[in-house]
Amino acid sequence: MIRVFDLPAVTWTLTTVLLLSGSYYLVQATRSHQLTDRVNNSLHALMNILMASMLWSLGASTILAQIVVLTGAALWFFLQAVARPELKALCTDRQGRIKCIYHSFTMVGAAIMVAMMMGHDTAGQSPLPAGAVAISHHAMPVPTAAAATLGPSPDLAIFLTPFFGVAAVVFLVLLLRFQVAKAIPRSTALRSAARAEHGVEALGAAVMTLMLASMS
C-alpha cells in the first residue's frame, strides 16, 4: 500500500484541493441555468466533500448512504451519455457523451473507495498492539483476514488508478496547450471558464489517482 495518508502535509493538501474543487462546483451549480447542469455540478460538489471526509475517516455511520448516492450518480451520468439526441439538455454530442462517461467513472471510483473504507471499518479487527494503519495521521486497527471478504477487491483500485492517472495527464495537456480555444468562440470569459474546468478536472483526476493508489 502507498501510505500517502501517513503524511499530514499530504492529507491537508488533498483536503484543501477537494474542498476547493467542491466549492468550484457549488458555484457552478448556482450559476447554471439548466436543471441538468445544476444537478451535475451539485453531484460533483458532493463527491468532493465525501472524498475529503474520507481522508479523515469521517462519516462512518453514513457509509451505506454514501455508496448509494455515488452509485446513483454514476448511473445518472451513464444514462445521460446514452440518452437520445432529441434530449438536448443531456449529453447528446460526442464530446458531451465522453464527458458524461468519464464523470460516471469518477462516481464509480469514489463509491469503490467508500466501500473499501467500509470493509476496513466493519470487518473483524485485531487488537491495536498487533499493528495499526495510519490514515491521515489517525490510527486504525488492522483488519483481520475476514476483512478480505468485505468490500470490493483491491484489484478494482489497481484498474482505476492508471485510468485516472491518464485522465489527469490528458486534462493537463488540454489546459497547457489551450485546446479549448479551438473548440469555442474567441470569448475571453468562455475560454477562462473552460480552462478553469480543465484545471479542476486535472486536479480531481490526480487526487483520485493518489487515493486509489493508496488503497491498492
N, C-alpha and C. Protein backbone atom coordinates (compact mmCIF):
# COMPACT_ATOMS: atom_id res chain seq x y z
N MET A 1 0.84 -1.21 0.00
CA MET A 1 0.00 0.00 0.00
C MET A 1 0.87 1.25 0.00
N ILE A 2 0.53 2.24 -0.81
CA ILE A 2 1.23 3.52 -0.83
C ILE A 2 0.61 4.41 0.24
N ARG A 3 1.29 4.59 1.36
CA ARG A 3 0.66 5.24 2.50
C ARG A 3 0.82 6.75 2.44
N VAL A 4 0.18 7.36 1.45
CA VAL A 4 0.26 8.81 1.32
C VAL A 4 -0.42 9.49 2.49
N PHE A 5 -1.37 8.79 3.15
CA PHE A 5 -2.12 9.40 4.23
C PHE A 5 -1.34 9.40 5.54
N ASP A 6 -0.15 8.80 5.57
CA ASP A 6 0.66 8.85 6.77
C ASP A 6 1.25 10.24 6.98
N LEU A 7 1.28 11.03 5.92
CA LEU A 7 1.89 12.36 5.98
C LEU A 7 0.81 13.42 6.14
N PRO A 8 0.76 14.10 7.29
CA PRO A 8 -0.26 15.14 7.50
C PRO A 8 -0.25 16.21 6.41
N ALA A 9 0.95 16.56 5.92
CA ALA A 9 1.03 17.60 4.89
C ALA A 9 0.29 17.17 3.63
N VAL A 10 0.43 15.89 3.25
CA VAL A 10 -0.25 15.38 2.07
C VAL A 10 -1.76 15.35 2.31
N THR A 11 -2.15 14.91 3.50
CA THR A 11 -3.58 14.85 3.82
C THR A 11 -4.22 16.22 3.76
N TRP A 12 -3.55 17.21 4.33
CA TRP A 12 -4.09 18.57 4.31
C TRP A 12 -4.13 19.13 2.90
N THR A 13 -3.12 18.81 2.11
CA THR A 13 -3.08 19.29 0.73
C THR A 13 -4.24 18.71 -0.07
N LEU A 14 -4.45 17.39 0.04
CA LEU A 14 -5.55 16.75 -0.68
C LEU A 14 -6.90 17.28 -0.20
N THR A 15 -7.02 17.49 1.11
CA THR A 15 -8.27 18.02 1.66
C THR A 15 -8.57 19.40 1.09
N THR A 16 -7.54 20.24 1.04
CA THR A 16 -7.71 21.59 0.50
C THR A 16 -8.14 21.56 -0.95
N VAL A 17 -7.47 20.71 -1.74
CA VAL A 17 -7.81 20.60 -3.15
C VAL A 17 -9.25 20.13 -3.33
N LEU A 18 -9.65 19.14 -2.56
CA LEU A 18 -11.01 18.60 -2.68
C LEU A 18 -12.07 19.63 -2.26
N LEU A 19 -11.80 20.35 -1.19
CA LEU A 19 -12.78 21.34 -0.74
C LEU A 19 -12.86 22.52 -1.71
N LEU A 20 -11.72 22.92 -2.27
CA LEU A 20 -11.74 23.99 -3.27
C LEU A 20 -12.48 23.54 -4.53
N SER A 21 -12.25 22.29 -4.93
CA SER A 21 -12.96 21.75 -6.10
C SER A 21 -14.46 21.67 -5.82
N GLY A 22 -14.81 21.23 -4.62
CA GLY A 22 -16.22 21.19 -4.26
C GLY A 22 -16.86 22.56 -4.28
N SER A 23 -16.11 23.56 -3.80
CA SER A 23 -16.62 24.94 -3.82
C SER A 23 -16.81 25.43 -5.25
N TYR A 24 -15.87 25.06 -6.12
CA TYR A 24 -15.98 25.44 -7.54
C TYR A 24 -17.27 24.89 -8.14
N TYR A 25 -17.55 23.61 -7.89
CA TYR A 25 -18.75 23.01 -8.45
C TYR A 25 -20.02 23.58 -7.83
N LEU A 26 -19.95 23.95 -6.56
CA LEU A 26 -21.13 24.59 -5.94
C LEU A 26 -21.42 25.93 -6.60
N VAL A 27 -20.37 26.69 -6.86
CA VAL A 27 -20.55 27.98 -7.54
C VAL A 27 -21.12 27.77 -8.93
N GLN A 28 -20.60 26.77 -9.64
CA GLN A 28 -21.12 26.49 -10.97
C GLN A 28 -22.58 26.06 -10.92
N ALA A 29 -22.94 25.33 -9.87
CA ALA A 29 -24.34 24.89 -9.73
C ALA A 29 -25.27 26.08 -9.54
N THR A 30 -24.82 27.07 -8.79
CA THR A 30 -25.67 28.24 -8.56
C THR A 30 -25.77 29.13 -9.81
N ARG A 31 -24.74 29.06 -10.67
CA ARG A 31 -24.75 29.89 -11.87
C ARG A 31 -25.41 29.21 -13.07
N SER A 32 -25.61 27.91 -12.98
CA SER A 32 -26.18 27.18 -14.12
C SER A 32 -27.64 27.53 -14.30
N HIS A 33 -28.05 27.63 -15.55
CA HIS A 33 -29.44 27.95 -15.86
C HIS A 33 -30.27 26.69 -16.11
N GLN A 34 -29.63 25.63 -16.55
CA GLN A 34 -30.36 24.39 -16.80
C GLN A 34 -30.36 23.51 -15.56
N LEU A 35 -31.48 22.85 -15.33
CA LEU A 35 -31.61 21.97 -14.17
C LEU A 35 -30.59 20.85 -14.22
N THR A 36 -30.35 20.30 -15.41
CA THR A 36 -29.39 19.20 -15.54
C THR A 36 -28.00 19.63 -15.11
N ASP A 37 -27.58 20.81 -15.52
CA ASP A 37 -26.25 21.31 -15.13
C ASP A 37 -26.18 21.54 -13.63
N ARG A 38 -27.26 22.03 -13.05
CA ARG A 38 -27.26 22.25 -11.59
C ARG A 38 -27.13 20.93 -10.85
N VAL A 39 -27.83 19.91 -11.32
CA VAL A 39 -27.75 18.59 -10.68
C VAL A 39 -26.36 18.01 -10.84
N ASN A 40 -25.81 18.08 -12.05
CA ASN A 40 -24.48 17.52 -12.30
C ASN A 40 -23.41 18.19 -11.43
N ASN A 41 -23.42 19.51 -11.40
CA ASN A 41 -22.43 20.21 -10.58
C ASN A 41 -22.61 19.95 -9.10
N SER A 42 -23.86 19.84 -8.66
CA SER A 42 -24.12 19.54 -7.25
C SER A 42 -23.59 18.15 -6.88
N LEU A 43 -23.76 17.19 -7.78
CA LEU A 43 -23.25 15.84 -7.53
C LEU A 43 -21.72 15.83 -7.44
N HIS A 44 -21.08 16.61 -8.30
CA HIS A 44 -19.62 16.70 -8.24
C HIS A 44 -19.17 17.36 -6.93
N ALA A 45 -19.88 18.38 -6.50
CA ALA A 45 -19.55 19.03 -5.24
C ALA A 45 -19.68 18.05 -4.08
N LEU A 46 -20.77 17.29 -4.08
CA LEU A 46 -21.00 16.30 -3.03
C LEU A 46 -19.89 15.24 -3.03
N MET A 47 -19.52 14.77 -4.21
CA MET A 47 -18.47 13.76 -4.30
C MET A 47 -17.16 14.27 -3.71
N ASN A 48 -16.79 15.51 -4.01
CA ASN A 48 -15.56 16.07 -3.47
C ASN A 48 -15.60 16.19 -1.96
N ILE A 49 -16.75 16.56 -1.43
CA ILE A 49 -16.90 16.68 0.02
C ILE A 49 -16.79 15.30 0.69
N LEU A 50 -17.41 14.29 0.08
CA LEU A 50 -17.33 12.94 0.63
C LEU A 50 -15.90 12.41 0.60
N MET A 51 -15.19 12.70 -0.48
CA MET A 51 -13.80 12.25 -0.57
C MET A 51 -12.92 12.96 0.46
N ALA A 52 -13.20 14.24 0.71
CA ALA A 52 -12.44 14.97 1.73
C ALA A 52 -12.70 14.38 3.11
N SER A 53 -13.96 14.04 3.39
CA SER A 53 -14.28 13.44 4.69
C SER A 53 -13.65 12.06 4.83
N MET A 54 -13.47 11.37 3.70
CA MET A 54 -12.85 10.05 3.71
C MET A 54 -11.40 10.13 4.20
N LEU A 55 -10.73 11.21 3.86
CA LEU A 55 -9.33 11.37 4.27
C LEU A 55 -9.18 11.41 5.78
N TRP A 56 -10.24 11.83 6.45
CA TRP A 56 -10.19 11.97 7.91
C TRP A 56 -11.04 10.92 8.61
N SER A 57 -11.46 9.90 7.85
CA SER A 57 -12.25 8.79 8.41
C SER A 57 -13.54 9.30 9.06
N LEU A 58 -14.17 10.29 8.43
CA LEU A 58 -15.42 10.85 8.94
C LEU A 58 -16.60 10.21 8.22
N GLY A 59 -17.78 10.31 8.81
CA GLY A 59 -18.99 9.82 8.18
C GLY A 59 -19.12 8.33 8.12
N ALA A 60 -18.51 7.61 9.10
CA ALA A 60 -18.58 6.15 9.08
C ALA A 60 -20.01 5.64 9.21
N SER A 61 -20.86 6.39 9.92
CA SER A 61 -22.24 5.95 10.13
C SER A 61 -23.11 6.10 8.90
N THR A 62 -22.61 6.83 7.89
CA THR A 62 -23.42 7.06 6.68
C THR A 62 -22.77 6.44 5.45
N ILE A 63 -21.89 5.48 5.65
CA ILE A 63 -21.15 4.90 4.52
C ILE A 63 -22.09 4.27 3.50
N LEU A 64 -23.08 3.51 3.97
CA LEU A 64 -24.01 2.87 3.03
C LEU A 64 -24.76 3.91 2.21
N ALA A 65 -25.19 4.98 2.87
CA ALA A 65 -25.90 6.05 2.16
C ALA A 65 -24.98 6.70 1.13
N GLN A 66 -23.71 6.88 1.48
CA GLN A 66 -22.75 7.47 0.54
C GLN A 66 -22.60 6.59 -0.70
N ILE A 67 -22.51 5.27 -0.48
CA ILE A 67 -22.35 4.35 -1.60
C ILE A 67 -23.58 4.40 -2.51
N VAL A 68 -24.76 4.45 -1.91
CA VAL A 68 -26.00 4.52 -2.70
C VAL A 68 -26.04 5.79 -3.53
N VAL A 69 -25.71 6.92 -2.92
CA VAL A 69 -25.74 8.21 -3.63
C VAL A 69 -24.73 8.23 -4.76
N LEU A 70 -23.51 7.78 -4.49
CA LEU A 70 -22.47 7.80 -5.52
C LEU A 70 -22.77 6.83 -6.65
N THR A 71 -23.33 5.67 -6.31
CA THR A 71 -23.71 4.71 -7.35
C THR A 71 -24.85 5.27 -8.20
N GLY A 72 -25.81 5.91 -7.54
CA GLY A 72 -26.89 6.55 -8.28
C GLY A 72 -26.39 7.66 -9.18
N ALA A 73 -25.40 8.41 -8.70
CA ALA A 73 -24.81 9.48 -9.52
C ALA A 73 -24.10 8.90 -10.73
N ALA A 74 -23.39 7.77 -10.53
CA ALA A 74 -22.72 7.12 -11.66
C ALA A 74 -23.73 6.67 -12.71
N LEU A 75 -24.84 6.11 -12.25
CA LEU A 75 -25.90 5.68 -13.17
C LEU A 75 -26.51 6.89 -13.89
N TRP A 76 -26.69 7.99 -13.18
CA TRP A 76 -27.26 9.20 -13.75
C TRP A 76 -26.38 9.73 -14.90
N PHE A 77 -25.08 9.78 -14.69
CA PHE A 77 -24.19 10.25 -15.74
C PHE A 77 -24.14 9.27 -16.91
N PHE A 78 -24.22 7.98 -16.62
CA PHE A 78 -24.22 6.99 -17.69
C PHE A 78 -25.48 7.12 -18.54
N LEU A 79 -26.62 7.33 -17.89
CA LEU A 79 -27.88 7.49 -18.62
C LEU A 79 -27.83 8.74 -19.51
N GLN A 80 -27.18 9.78 -19.03
CA GLN A 80 -27.03 10.97 -19.87
C GLN A 80 -26.18 10.67 -21.10
N ALA A 81 -25.15 9.83 -20.90
CA ALA A 81 -24.24 9.52 -22.00
C ALA A 81 -24.92 8.70 -23.09
N VAL A 82 -25.93 7.91 -22.74
CA VAL A 82 -26.61 7.07 -23.73
C VAL A 82 -27.98 7.62 -24.10
N ALA A 83 -28.26 8.85 -23.69
CA ALA A 83 -29.57 9.44 -23.96
C ALA A 83 -29.76 9.70 -25.45
N ARG A 84 -31.00 9.75 -25.87
CA ARG A 84 -31.32 10.01 -27.27
C ARG A 84 -30.93 11.45 -27.63
N PRO A 85 -30.52 11.67 -28.87
CA PRO A 85 -30.08 13.01 -29.30
C PRO A 85 -31.16 14.07 -29.14
N GLU A 86 -32.42 13.65 -29.14
CA GLU A 86 -33.51 14.61 -29.01
C GLU A 86 -33.51 15.31 -27.65
N LEU A 87 -32.90 14.67 -26.65
CA LEU A 87 -32.88 15.25 -25.30
C LEU A 87 -31.70 16.20 -25.20
N LYS A 88 -31.90 17.42 -25.64
CA LYS A 88 -30.82 18.39 -25.77
C LYS A 88 -30.20 18.77 -24.43
N ALA A 89 -30.95 18.64 -23.34
CA ALA A 89 -30.43 19.03 -22.02
C ALA A 89 -29.40 18.05 -21.49
N LEU A 90 -29.32 16.85 -22.10
CA LEU A 90 -28.39 15.82 -21.63
C LEU A 90 -27.14 15.80 -22.53
N CYS A 91 -26.31 14.78 -22.36
CA CYS A 91 -25.07 14.69 -23.14
C CYS A 91 -25.38 14.09 -24.50
N THR A 92 -25.65 14.94 -25.47
CA THR A 92 -26.12 14.44 -26.76
C THR A 92 -25.05 14.47 -27.85
N ASP A 93 -24.05 15.35 -27.75
CA ASP A 93 -22.99 15.36 -28.75
C ASP A 93 -21.85 14.44 -28.31
N ARG A 94 -20.90 14.20 -29.21
CA ARG A 94 -19.82 13.25 -28.95
C ARG A 94 -18.97 13.67 -27.75
N GLN A 95 -18.61 14.93 -27.69
CA GLN A 95 -17.79 15.41 -26.59
C GLN A 95 -18.54 15.32 -25.27
N GLY A 96 -19.83 15.64 -25.30
CA GLY A 96 -20.63 15.57 -24.09
C GLY A 96 -20.79 14.14 -23.57
N ARG A 97 -20.95 13.20 -24.50
CA ARG A 97 -21.10 11.79 -24.10
C ARG A 97 -19.82 11.27 -23.45
N ILE A 98 -18.67 11.62 -24.04
CA ILE A 98 -17.40 11.20 -23.46
C ILE A 98 -17.23 11.80 -22.06
N LYS A 99 -17.62 13.05 -21.92
CA LYS A 99 -17.51 13.73 -20.64
C LYS A 99 -18.39 13.05 -19.59
N CYS A 100 -19.61 12.70 -19.96
CA CYS A 100 -20.52 12.06 -19.01
C CYS A 100 -20.05 10.65 -18.64
N ILE A 101 -19.48 9.93 -19.60
CA ILE A 101 -18.96 8.60 -19.30
C ILE A 101 -17.79 8.72 -18.31
N TYR A 102 -16.93 9.71 -18.53
CA TYR A 102 -15.82 9.91 -17.60
C TYR A 102 -16.33 10.26 -16.20
N HIS A 103 -17.31 11.13 -16.15
CA HIS A 103 -17.86 11.51 -14.85
C HIS A 103 -18.55 10.33 -14.17
N SER A 104 -19.12 9.44 -14.95
CA SER A 104 -19.69 8.23 -14.39
C SER A 104 -18.60 7.38 -13.73
N PHE A 105 -17.44 7.31 -14.38
CA PHE A 105 -16.31 6.56 -13.81
C PHE A 105 -15.80 7.22 -12.53
N THR A 106 -15.83 8.56 -12.47
CA THR A 106 -15.37 9.22 -11.24
C THR A 106 -16.28 8.88 -10.08
N MET A 107 -17.58 8.82 -10.33
CA MET A 107 -18.51 8.44 -9.27
C MET A 107 -18.32 6.99 -8.85
N VAL A 108 -18.06 6.13 -9.83
CA VAL A 108 -17.79 4.72 -9.52
C VAL A 108 -16.53 4.60 -8.67
N GLY A 109 -15.49 5.34 -9.06
CA GLY A 109 -14.25 5.31 -8.30
C GLY A 109 -14.44 5.77 -6.86
N ALA A 110 -15.20 6.84 -6.68
CA ALA A 110 -15.47 7.33 -5.32
C ALA A 110 -16.27 6.30 -4.52
N ALA A 111 -17.27 5.67 -5.16
CA ALA A 111 -18.07 4.66 -4.47
C ALA A 111 -17.21 3.47 -4.06
N ILE A 112 -16.28 3.07 -4.92
CA ILE A 112 -15.40 1.95 -4.60
C ILE A 112 -14.52 2.29 -3.40
N MET A 113 -14.00 3.51 -3.36
CA MET A 113 -13.16 3.90 -2.23
C MET A 113 -13.95 3.90 -0.93
N VAL A 114 -15.18 4.41 -0.97
CA VAL A 114 -16.02 4.40 0.23
C VAL A 114 -16.31 2.97 0.66
N ALA A 115 -16.60 2.09 -0.31
CA ALA A 115 -16.88 0.69 0.01
C ALA A 115 -15.65 0.00 0.60
N MET A 116 -14.48 0.33 0.10
CA MET A 116 -13.26 -0.26 0.65
C MET A 116 -13.00 0.24 2.06
N MET A 117 -13.35 1.50 2.33
CA MET A 117 -13.24 2.02 3.69
C MET A 117 -14.21 1.29 4.61
N MET A 118 -15.39 0.96 4.10
CA MET A 118 -16.37 0.22 4.90
C MET A 118 -15.83 -1.15 5.26
N GLY A 119 -15.11 -1.77 4.30
CA GLY A 119 -14.52 -3.07 4.58
C GLY A 119 -13.52 -3.00 5.72
N HIS A 120 -12.76 -1.90 5.77
CA HIS A 120 -11.79 -1.74 6.85
C HIS A 120 -12.48 -1.45 8.18
N ASP A 121 -13.57 -0.68 8.12
CA ASP A 121 -14.22 -0.24 9.35
C ASP A 121 -15.11 -1.30 9.97
N THR A 122 -15.75 -2.14 9.13
CA THR A 122 -16.75 -3.06 9.66
C THR A 122 -16.26 -4.47 9.82
N ALA A 123 -15.11 -4.81 9.21
CA ALA A 123 -14.60 -6.16 9.33
C ALA A 123 -14.05 -6.41 10.72
N GLY A 124 -13.88 -7.69 11.04
CA GLY A 124 -13.28 -8.02 12.31
C GLY A 124 -11.88 -7.47 12.35
N GLN A 125 -11.50 -6.92 13.50
CA GLN A 125 -10.23 -6.23 13.60
C GLN A 125 -9.40 -6.84 14.71
N SER A 126 -8.09 -6.88 14.50
CA SER A 126 -7.18 -7.39 15.50
C SER A 126 -6.94 -6.32 16.55
N PRO A 127 -6.48 -6.67 17.73
CA PRO A 127 -6.20 -5.67 18.76
C PRO A 127 -5.17 -4.67 18.26
N LEU A 128 -5.22 -3.48 18.80
CA LEU A 128 -4.35 -2.40 18.37
C LEU A 128 -2.87 -2.72 18.49
N PRO A 129 -2.42 -3.39 19.55
CA PRO A 129 -0.99 -3.66 19.64
C PRO A 129 -0.45 -4.49 18.49
N ALA A 130 -1.31 -5.25 17.82
CA ALA A 130 -0.85 -6.09 16.72
C ALA A 130 -0.43 -5.27 15.52
N GLY A 131 -0.79 -4.01 15.51
CA GLY A 131 -0.41 -3.14 14.38
C GLY A 131 -1.51 -2.16 14.10
N ALA A 132 -1.18 -1.08 13.48
CA ALA A 132 -2.18 -0.07 13.16
C ALA A 132 -1.84 0.54 11.83
N VAL A 133 -2.88 0.94 11.12
CA VAL A 133 -2.71 1.61 9.84
C VAL A 133 -3.05 3.07 10.06
N ALA A 134 -2.14 3.94 9.74
CA ALA A 134 -2.37 5.37 9.95
C ALA A 134 -2.98 5.96 8.71
N ILE A 135 -4.16 6.48 8.84
CA ILE A 135 -4.83 7.17 7.75
C ILE A 135 -5.07 8.59 8.21
N SER A 136 -4.45 9.51 7.47
CA SER A 136 -4.50 10.93 7.83
C SER A 136 -4.11 11.13 9.28
N HIS A 137 -3.01 10.49 9.69
CA HIS A 137 -2.39 10.53 11.00
C HIS A 137 -3.33 10.14 12.13
N HIS A 138 -4.41 9.38 11.85
CA HIS A 138 -5.28 8.80 12.86
C HIS A 138 -5.07 7.30 12.82
N ALA A 139 -4.82 6.67 13.94
CA ALA A 139 -4.54 5.25 13.94
C ALA A 139 -5.83 4.45 13.78
N MET A 140 -5.75 3.40 12.97
CA MET A 140 -6.87 2.49 12.77
C MET A 140 -6.37 1.08 12.99
N PRO A 141 -7.12 0.24 13.68
CA PRO A 141 -6.71 -1.14 13.84
C PRO A 141 -6.64 -1.83 12.49
N VAL A 142 -5.71 -2.79 12.38
CA VAL A 142 -5.56 -3.53 11.14
C VAL A 142 -6.64 -4.59 11.05
N PRO A 143 -7.41 -4.66 9.95
CA PRO A 143 -8.45 -5.66 9.81
C PRO A 143 -7.85 -7.05 9.77
N THR A 144 -8.59 -8.02 10.24
CA THR A 144 -8.16 -9.40 10.18
C THR A 144 -8.46 -9.96 8.81
N ALA A 145 -8.21 -11.26 8.62
CA ALA A 145 -8.44 -11.86 7.30
C ALA A 145 -9.88 -11.79 6.88
N ALA A 146 -10.80 -11.66 7.85
CA ALA A 146 -12.22 -11.57 7.49
C ALA A 146 -12.51 -10.35 6.67
N ALA A 147 -11.65 -9.30 6.79
CA ALA A 147 -11.88 -8.07 6.04
C ALA A 147 -11.77 -8.30 4.55
N ALA A 148 -11.01 -9.31 4.16
CA ALA A 148 -10.83 -9.55 2.73
C ALA A 148 -12.11 -9.94 2.04
N THR A 149 -13.09 -10.41 2.82
CA THR A 149 -14.35 -10.85 2.23
C THR A 149 -15.35 -9.71 2.14
N LEU A 150 -15.03 -8.57 2.74
CA LEU A 150 -15.96 -7.44 2.74
C LEU A 150 -15.43 -6.36 1.82
N GLY A 151 -16.35 -5.67 1.16
CA GLY A 151 -15.95 -4.58 0.29
C GLY A 151 -15.39 -5.10 -1.02
N PRO A 152 -15.18 -4.19 -1.97
CA PRO A 152 -14.67 -4.59 -3.29
C PRO A 152 -13.22 -5.02 -3.23
N SER A 153 -12.80 -5.76 -4.22
CA SER A 153 -11.43 -6.23 -4.29
C SER A 153 -10.48 -5.07 -4.59
N PRO A 154 -9.28 -5.09 -3.99
CA PRO A 154 -8.28 -4.05 -4.32
C PRO A 154 -7.92 -4.02 -5.79
N ASP A 155 -8.21 -5.11 -6.51
CA ASP A 155 -7.92 -5.14 -7.95
C ASP A 155 -8.68 -4.04 -8.68
N LEU A 156 -9.86 -3.67 -8.18
CA LEU A 156 -10.62 -2.59 -8.81
C LEU A 156 -9.87 -1.27 -8.69
N ALA A 157 -9.27 -1.06 -7.53
CA ALA A 157 -8.47 0.16 -7.34
C ALA A 157 -7.26 0.15 -8.25
N ILE A 158 -6.65 -1.03 -8.42
CA ILE A 158 -5.49 -1.13 -9.29
C ILE A 158 -5.87 -0.81 -10.74
N PHE A 159 -7.07 -1.23 -11.15
CA PHE A 159 -7.54 -0.97 -12.51
C PHE A 159 -7.83 0.51 -12.72
N LEU A 160 -8.46 1.16 -11.74
CA LEU A 160 -8.86 2.55 -11.90
C LEU A 160 -7.71 3.54 -11.71
N THR A 161 -6.68 3.14 -10.98
CA THR A 161 -5.56 4.06 -10.71
C THR A 161 -4.91 4.57 -12.00
N PRO A 162 -4.48 3.68 -12.92
CA PRO A 162 -3.90 4.21 -14.17
C PRO A 162 -4.90 4.94 -15.03
N PHE A 163 -6.18 4.56 -14.93
CA PHE A 163 -7.22 5.25 -15.71
C PHE A 163 -7.26 6.72 -15.34
N PHE A 164 -7.31 7.00 -14.05
CA PHE A 164 -7.38 8.41 -13.62
C PHE A 164 -6.03 9.09 -13.77
N GLY A 165 -4.94 8.32 -13.70
CA GLY A 165 -3.64 8.91 -13.96
C GLY A 165 -3.54 9.43 -15.38
N VAL A 166 -4.01 8.64 -16.33
CA VAL A 166 -4.03 9.06 -17.73
C VAL A 166 -4.97 10.25 -17.91
N ALA A 167 -6.12 10.20 -17.25
CA ALA A 167 -7.08 11.31 -17.35
C ALA A 167 -6.46 12.62 -16.85
N ALA A 168 -5.70 12.54 -15.75
CA ALA A 168 -5.05 13.75 -15.23
C ALA A 168 -4.09 14.33 -16.24
N VAL A 169 -3.33 13.46 -16.91
CA VAL A 169 -2.38 13.93 -17.92
C VAL A 169 -3.12 14.56 -19.10
N VAL A 170 -4.21 13.93 -19.54
CA VAL A 170 -4.98 14.45 -20.67
C VAL A 170 -5.53 15.84 -20.35
N PHE A 171 -6.12 15.99 -19.16
CA PHE A 171 -6.68 17.30 -18.79
C PHE A 171 -5.56 18.34 -18.66
N LEU A 172 -4.41 17.92 -18.15
CA LEU A 172 -3.31 18.85 -18.01
C LEU A 172 -2.80 19.30 -19.37
N VAL A 173 -2.72 18.38 -20.32
CA VAL A 173 -2.29 18.74 -21.68
C VAL A 173 -3.28 19.71 -22.31
N LEU A 174 -4.58 19.43 -22.14
CA LEU A 174 -5.60 20.33 -22.67
C LEU A 174 -5.48 21.73 -22.06
N LEU A 175 -5.17 21.75 -20.77
CA LEU A 175 -5.03 23.03 -20.09
C LEU A 175 -3.80 23.80 -20.58
N LEU A 176 -2.68 23.11 -20.67
CA LEU A 176 -1.43 23.78 -21.04
C LEU A 176 -1.40 24.20 -22.49
N ARG A 177 -2.02 23.45 -23.36
CA ARG A 177 -1.99 23.76 -24.80
C ARG A 177 -3.17 24.62 -25.24
N PHE A 178 -4.04 24.95 -24.29
CA PHE A 178 -5.19 25.80 -24.59
C PHE A 178 -6.00 25.25 -25.77
N GLN A 179 -6.25 23.93 -25.74
CA GLN A 179 -7.02 23.30 -26.79
C GLN A 179 -8.44 23.83 -26.86
N VAL A 180 -8.92 24.36 -25.72
CA VAL A 180 -10.30 24.85 -25.69
C VAL A 180 -10.51 26.01 -26.65
N ALA A 181 -9.43 26.73 -26.98
CA ALA A 181 -9.56 27.89 -27.87
C ALA A 181 -10.00 27.47 -29.26
N LYS A 182 -9.77 26.21 -29.63
CA LYS A 182 -10.15 25.74 -30.95
C LYS A 182 -11.59 25.27 -31.03
N ALA A 183 -12.17 25.01 -29.87
CA ALA A 183 -13.49 24.40 -29.85
C ALA A 183 -14.61 25.38 -29.52
N ILE A 184 -14.26 26.56 -29.01
CA ILE A 184 -15.29 27.52 -28.61
C ILE A 184 -14.97 28.87 -29.24
N PRO A 185 -15.96 29.78 -29.28
CA PRO A 185 -15.71 31.11 -29.83
C PRO A 185 -14.62 31.84 -29.05
N ARG A 186 -14.02 32.83 -29.71
CA ARG A 186 -12.95 33.57 -29.07
C ARG A 186 -13.51 34.57 -28.07
N SER A 187 -14.04 34.03 -27.01
CA SER A 187 -14.55 34.84 -25.92
C SER A 187 -13.67 34.63 -24.70
N THR A 188 -13.16 35.72 -24.15
CA THR A 188 -12.26 35.60 -23.01
C THR A 188 -12.94 34.91 -21.84
N ALA A 189 -14.21 35.25 -21.59
CA ALA A 189 -14.93 34.65 -20.47
C ALA A 189 -15.11 33.16 -20.67
N LEU A 190 -15.50 32.75 -21.88
CA LEU A 190 -15.70 31.33 -22.15
C LEU A 190 -14.40 30.56 -22.09
N ARG A 191 -13.34 31.14 -22.63
CA ARG A 191 -12.05 30.47 -22.61
C ARG A 191 -11.54 30.32 -21.18
N SER A 192 -11.72 31.34 -20.36
CA SER A 192 -11.29 31.26 -18.96
C SER A 192 -12.08 30.21 -18.21
N ALA A 193 -13.40 30.15 -18.48
CA ALA A 193 -14.23 29.15 -17.82
C ALA A 193 -13.83 27.74 -18.22
N ALA A 194 -13.52 27.56 -19.50
CA ALA A 194 -13.12 26.24 -19.98
C ALA A 194 -11.78 25.83 -19.39
N ARG A 195 -10.84 26.79 -19.31
CA ARG A 195 -9.54 26.47 -18.71
C ARG A 195 -9.69 26.12 -17.24
N ALA A 196 -10.56 26.84 -16.55
CA ALA A 196 -10.80 26.54 -15.13
C ALA A 196 -11.37 25.13 -14.97
N GLU A 197 -12.29 24.77 -15.87
CA GLU A 197 -12.88 23.43 -15.81
C GLU A 197 -11.83 22.35 -16.03
N HIS A 198 -10.95 22.56 -17.02
CA HIS A 198 -9.89 21.59 -17.27
C HIS A 198 -8.93 21.50 -16.08
N GLY A 199 -8.65 22.63 -15.47
CA GLY A 199 -7.76 22.63 -14.31
C GLY A 199 -8.34 21.86 -13.14
N VAL A 200 -9.63 22.08 -12.87
CA VAL A 200 -10.29 21.37 -11.78
C VAL A 200 -10.37 19.88 -12.08
N GLU A 201 -10.65 19.55 -13.34
CA GLU A 201 -10.73 18.13 -13.73
C GLU A 201 -9.36 17.46 -13.57
N ALA A 202 -8.28 18.16 -13.95
CA ALA A 202 -6.93 17.61 -13.82
C ALA A 202 -6.59 17.36 -12.35
N LEU A 203 -6.90 18.33 -11.50
CA LEU A 203 -6.65 18.16 -10.07
C LEU A 203 -7.47 17.01 -9.49
N GLY A 204 -8.74 16.94 -9.90
CA GLY A 204 -9.61 15.87 -9.41
C GLY A 204 -9.11 14.50 -9.81
N ALA A 205 -8.67 14.37 -11.06
CA ALA A 205 -8.16 13.07 -11.52
C ALA A 205 -6.88 12.71 -10.79
N ALA A 206 -6.03 13.70 -10.52
CA ALA A 206 -4.78 13.44 -9.79
C ALA A 206 -5.07 12.97 -8.37
N VAL A 207 -6.03 13.60 -7.72
CA VAL A 207 -6.40 13.20 -6.36
C VAL A 207 -6.98 11.79 -6.35
N MET A 208 -7.84 11.50 -7.34
CA MET A 208 -8.41 10.15 -7.45
C MET A 208 -7.28 9.12 -7.61
N THR A 209 -6.28 9.46 -8.41
CA THR A 209 -5.16 8.54 -8.63
C THR A 209 -4.43 8.26 -7.34
N LEU A 210 -4.12 9.29 -6.57
CA LEU A 210 -3.41 9.11 -5.31
C LEU A 210 -4.21 8.31 -4.30
N MET A 211 -5.49 8.61 -4.18
CA MET A 211 -6.32 7.93 -3.19
C MET A 211 -6.54 6.46 -3.56
N LEU A 212 -6.76 6.19 -4.84
CA LEU A 212 -6.94 4.81 -5.27
C LEU A 212 -5.63 4.03 -5.13
N ALA A 213 -4.51 4.69 -5.45
CA ALA A 213 -3.21 4.02 -5.32
C ALA A 213 -2.93 3.65 -3.87
N SER A 214 -3.38 4.48 -2.94
CA SER A 214 -3.15 4.20 -1.53
C SER A 214 -3.94 3.01 -1.03
N MET A 215 -4.98 2.62 -1.78
CA MET A 215 -5.83 1.51 -1.37
C MET A 215 -5.54 0.23 -2.14
N SER A 216 -4.65 0.30 -3.13
CA SER A 216 -4.38 -0.87 -3.97
C SER A 216 -3.27 -1.73 -3.37
